N, C-alpha and C. Protein backbone atom coordinates (compact mmCIF):
# COMPACT_ATOMS: atom_id res chain seq x y z
N MET A 1 91.89 156.70 96.23
CA MET A 1 90.91 156.92 95.19
C MET A 1 90.00 158.09 95.57
N PRO A 2 89.56 158.83 94.59
CA PRO A 2 88.73 160.01 94.85
C PRO A 2 87.35 159.66 95.41
N HIS A 3 86.83 160.56 96.21
CA HIS A 3 85.49 160.46 96.78
C HIS A 3 84.68 161.62 96.22
N VAL A 4 83.55 161.31 95.60
CA VAL A 4 82.66 162.33 95.06
C VAL A 4 81.47 162.48 96.00
N GLU A 5 81.13 163.72 96.29
CA GLU A 5 79.97 164.01 97.13
C GLU A 5 79.03 164.92 96.34
N ILE A 6 77.76 164.53 96.33
CA ILE A 6 76.72 165.34 95.68
C ILE A 6 75.81 165.85 96.79
N GLU A 7 75.82 167.15 97.02
CA GLU A 7 74.94 167.75 98.02
C GLU A 7 73.78 168.40 97.29
N TYR A 8 72.56 168.03 97.70
CA TYR A 8 71.38 168.48 96.97
C TYR A 8 70.32 169.00 97.93
N CYS A 9 69.49 169.90 97.42
CA CYS A 9 68.42 170.51 98.21
C CYS A 9 67.22 169.57 98.26
N VAL A 10 66.88 169.12 99.47
CA VAL A 10 65.73 168.24 99.66
C VAL A 10 64.42 168.97 99.37
N PRO A 11 64.18 170.16 99.98
CA PRO A 11 62.90 170.84 99.73
C PRO A 11 62.68 171.20 98.26
N CYS A 12 63.75 171.36 97.49
CA CYS A 12 63.64 171.73 96.08
C CYS A 12 63.29 170.52 95.20
N GLY A 13 63.39 169.33 95.76
CA GLY A 13 63.09 168.14 94.99
C GLY A 13 64.22 167.70 94.07
N PHE A 14 65.47 167.96 94.47
CA PHE A 14 66.62 167.63 93.62
C PHE A 14 67.12 166.19 93.81
N LEU A 15 66.41 165.37 94.58
CA LEU A 15 66.87 164.00 94.82
C LEU A 15 67.01 163.22 93.52
N ASN A 16 66.02 163.28 92.65
CA ASN A 16 66.10 162.52 91.39
C ASN A 16 67.30 162.95 90.56
N ARG A 17 67.54 164.24 90.50
CA ARG A 17 68.69 164.76 89.75
C ARG A 17 69.99 164.25 90.36
N ALA A 18 70.08 164.24 91.68
CA ALA A 18 71.28 163.77 92.37
C ALA A 18 71.48 162.27 92.14
N GLU A 19 70.39 161.49 92.21
CA GLU A 19 70.49 160.06 91.98
C GLU A 19 70.90 159.75 90.54
N ASP A 20 70.34 160.49 89.59
CA ASP A 20 70.70 160.29 88.18
C ASP A 20 72.19 160.57 87.96
N LEU A 21 72.68 161.66 88.54
CA LEU A 21 74.09 162.00 88.40
C LEU A 21 74.96 160.95 89.08
N GLN A 22 74.57 160.49 90.26
CA GLN A 22 75.31 159.46 90.96
C GLN A 22 75.43 158.21 90.09
N HIS A 23 74.33 157.82 89.48
CA HIS A 23 74.32 156.64 88.61
C HIS A 23 75.28 156.81 87.43
N VAL A 24 75.23 157.97 86.78
CA VAL A 24 76.11 158.23 85.63
C VAL A 24 77.58 158.17 86.05
N LEU A 25 77.91 158.78 87.17
CA LEU A 25 79.30 158.80 87.63
C LEU A 25 79.78 157.40 87.97
N LEU A 26 78.95 156.62 88.65
CA LEU A 26 79.35 155.25 88.99
C LEU A 26 79.46 154.38 87.75
N GLN A 27 78.56 154.57 86.82
CA GLN A 27 78.59 153.79 85.58
C GLN A 27 79.81 154.18 84.73
N THR A 28 80.14 155.45 84.70
CA THR A 28 81.24 155.95 83.87
C THR A 28 82.60 155.62 84.46
N PHE A 29 82.76 155.82 85.77
CA PHE A 29 84.07 155.69 86.38
C PHE A 29 84.27 154.44 87.21
N GLY A 30 83.18 153.78 87.58
CA GLY A 30 83.26 152.50 88.28
C GLY A 30 84.27 152.46 89.40
N GLU A 31 85.24 151.58 89.26
CA GLU A 31 86.21 151.32 90.33
C GLU A 31 87.29 152.40 90.45
N GLN A 32 87.24 153.44 89.62
CA GLN A 32 88.20 154.54 89.75
C GLN A 32 87.85 155.45 90.92
N LEU A 33 86.62 155.30 91.45
CA LEU A 33 86.15 156.14 92.55
C LEU A 33 86.01 155.32 93.81
N ASP A 34 86.35 155.95 94.94
CA ASP A 34 86.15 155.30 96.23
C ASP A 34 84.66 155.23 96.55
N ALA A 35 83.95 156.34 96.30
CA ALA A 35 82.52 156.40 96.58
C ALA A 35 81.92 157.61 95.88
N VAL A 36 80.62 157.52 95.65
CA VAL A 36 79.83 158.67 95.21
C VAL A 36 78.67 158.75 96.19
N THR A 37 78.75 159.72 97.09
CA THR A 37 77.75 159.82 98.16
C THR A 37 76.81 160.99 97.94
N LEU A 38 75.60 160.83 98.48
CA LEU A 38 74.60 161.89 98.44
C LEU A 38 74.52 162.51 99.82
N ARG A 39 74.44 163.83 99.84
CA ARG A 39 74.35 164.56 101.11
C ARG A 39 73.16 165.51 101.02
N THR A 40 72.29 165.44 102.00
CA THR A 40 71.11 166.30 101.98
C THR A 40 71.48 167.73 102.35
N GLY A 41 70.74 168.66 101.77
CA GLY A 41 70.94 170.08 102.04
C GLY A 41 69.65 170.83 101.85
N ASP A 42 69.75 172.15 101.85
CA ASP A 42 68.57 173.00 101.65
C ASP A 42 69.00 174.30 101.00
N HIS A 43 68.10 175.26 100.94
CA HIS A 43 68.37 176.59 100.37
C HIS A 43 68.83 176.53 98.92
N GLY A 44 68.31 175.57 98.14
CA GLY A 44 68.59 175.52 96.71
C GLY A 44 69.93 174.94 96.32
N ILE A 45 70.64 174.33 97.25
CA ILE A 45 71.99 173.84 96.96
C ILE A 45 71.97 172.63 96.01
N PHE A 46 72.90 172.63 95.11
CA PHE A 46 73.23 171.43 94.33
C PHE A 46 74.70 171.60 93.97
N GLU A 47 75.56 170.92 94.71
CA GLU A 47 77.00 171.02 94.50
C GLU A 47 77.60 169.63 94.37
N VAL A 48 78.63 169.54 93.55
CA VAL A 48 79.37 168.30 93.39
C VAL A 48 80.81 168.58 93.78
N ARG A 49 81.34 167.73 94.67
CA ARG A 49 82.71 167.91 95.14
C ARG A 49 83.50 166.63 94.92
N VAL A 50 84.75 166.79 94.55
CA VAL A 50 85.67 165.67 94.44
C VAL A 50 86.74 165.90 95.49
N ASP A 51 86.83 165.00 96.44
CA ASP A 51 87.77 165.12 97.56
C ASP A 51 87.69 166.51 98.21
N GLY A 52 86.46 166.99 98.38
CA GLY A 52 86.23 168.27 99.05
C GLY A 52 86.32 169.49 98.17
N GLU A 53 86.79 169.36 96.95
CA GLU A 53 86.91 170.49 96.03
C GLU A 53 85.68 170.58 95.14
N THR A 54 85.02 171.72 95.13
CA THR A 54 83.81 171.90 94.35
C THR A 54 84.13 171.92 92.86
N VAL A 55 83.47 171.03 92.10
CA VAL A 55 83.64 170.99 90.65
C VAL A 55 82.37 171.44 89.94
N PHE A 56 81.26 171.54 90.67
CA PHE A 56 80.02 172.07 90.12
C PHE A 56 79.21 172.70 91.23
N ASP A 57 78.66 173.89 90.95
CA ASP A 57 77.79 174.60 91.88
C ASP A 57 76.64 175.17 91.06
N LYS A 58 75.43 174.73 91.35
CA LYS A 58 74.25 175.15 90.59
C LYS A 58 74.10 176.67 90.58
N SER A 59 74.55 177.33 91.61
CA SER A 59 74.40 178.78 91.66
C SER A 59 75.34 179.49 90.67
N GLU A 60 76.33 178.76 90.15
CA GLU A 60 77.29 179.36 89.23
C GLU A 60 77.20 178.81 87.81
N ASP A 61 76.71 177.58 87.66
CA ASP A 61 76.70 176.91 86.36
C ASP A 61 75.33 176.32 86.06
N GLU A 62 75.06 176.11 84.78
CA GLU A 62 73.86 175.42 84.33
C GLU A 62 74.05 173.92 84.54
N PHE A 63 73.03 173.22 85.04
CA PHE A 63 73.14 171.79 85.28
C PHE A 63 73.27 171.07 83.95
N ASP A 64 74.36 170.33 83.79
CA ASP A 64 74.63 169.55 82.58
C ASP A 64 75.42 168.33 83.00
N VAL A 65 74.80 167.17 82.92
CA VAL A 65 75.43 165.94 83.39
C VAL A 65 76.77 165.71 82.69
N ASP A 66 76.82 165.96 81.38
CA ASP A 66 78.07 165.73 80.63
C ASP A 66 79.19 166.65 81.11
N GLU A 67 78.87 167.91 81.37
CA GLU A 67 79.88 168.86 81.86
C GLU A 67 80.36 168.46 83.25
N ILE A 68 79.45 168.03 84.10
CA ILE A 68 79.83 167.61 85.45
C ILE A 68 80.71 166.37 85.37
N THR A 69 80.36 165.44 84.49
CA THR A 69 81.17 164.22 84.31
C THR A 69 82.58 164.60 83.84
N ARG A 70 82.69 165.53 82.92
CA ARG A 70 84.02 165.98 82.46
C ARG A 70 84.81 166.62 83.61
N ALA A 71 84.13 167.42 84.43
CA ALA A 71 84.81 168.06 85.56
C ALA A 71 85.32 167.02 86.55
N VAL A 72 84.54 165.98 86.79
CA VAL A 72 84.98 164.91 87.67
C VAL A 72 86.17 164.18 87.05
N ARG A 73 86.09 163.89 85.75
CA ARG A 73 87.17 163.19 85.05
C ARG A 73 88.50 163.95 85.19
N GLU A 74 88.45 165.27 85.13
CA GLU A 74 89.66 166.07 85.26
C GLU A 74 90.34 165.90 86.62
N LYS A 75 89.57 165.52 87.62
CA LYS A 75 90.12 165.35 88.99
C LYS A 75 90.63 163.94 89.25
N LEU A 76 90.40 163.01 88.31
CA LEU A 76 90.85 161.64 88.50
C LEU A 76 92.30 161.46 88.12
């Protein structure tokens, strides 16, 4: 089963955003995922990876929970 990792910038205050996304992914995909983990970072990072492959990078895309959920769904 896929493992989703959300790496977020602690100094930027992205914890709430990461927790909200984690909740949506767990609620949407439930038992289809092995885990949705949070990983602390810095320097403005907010990335979402499925089995190590980046499906969202804040530096490249606008944050949109629905788009990120669709990107994760494509990897399932």
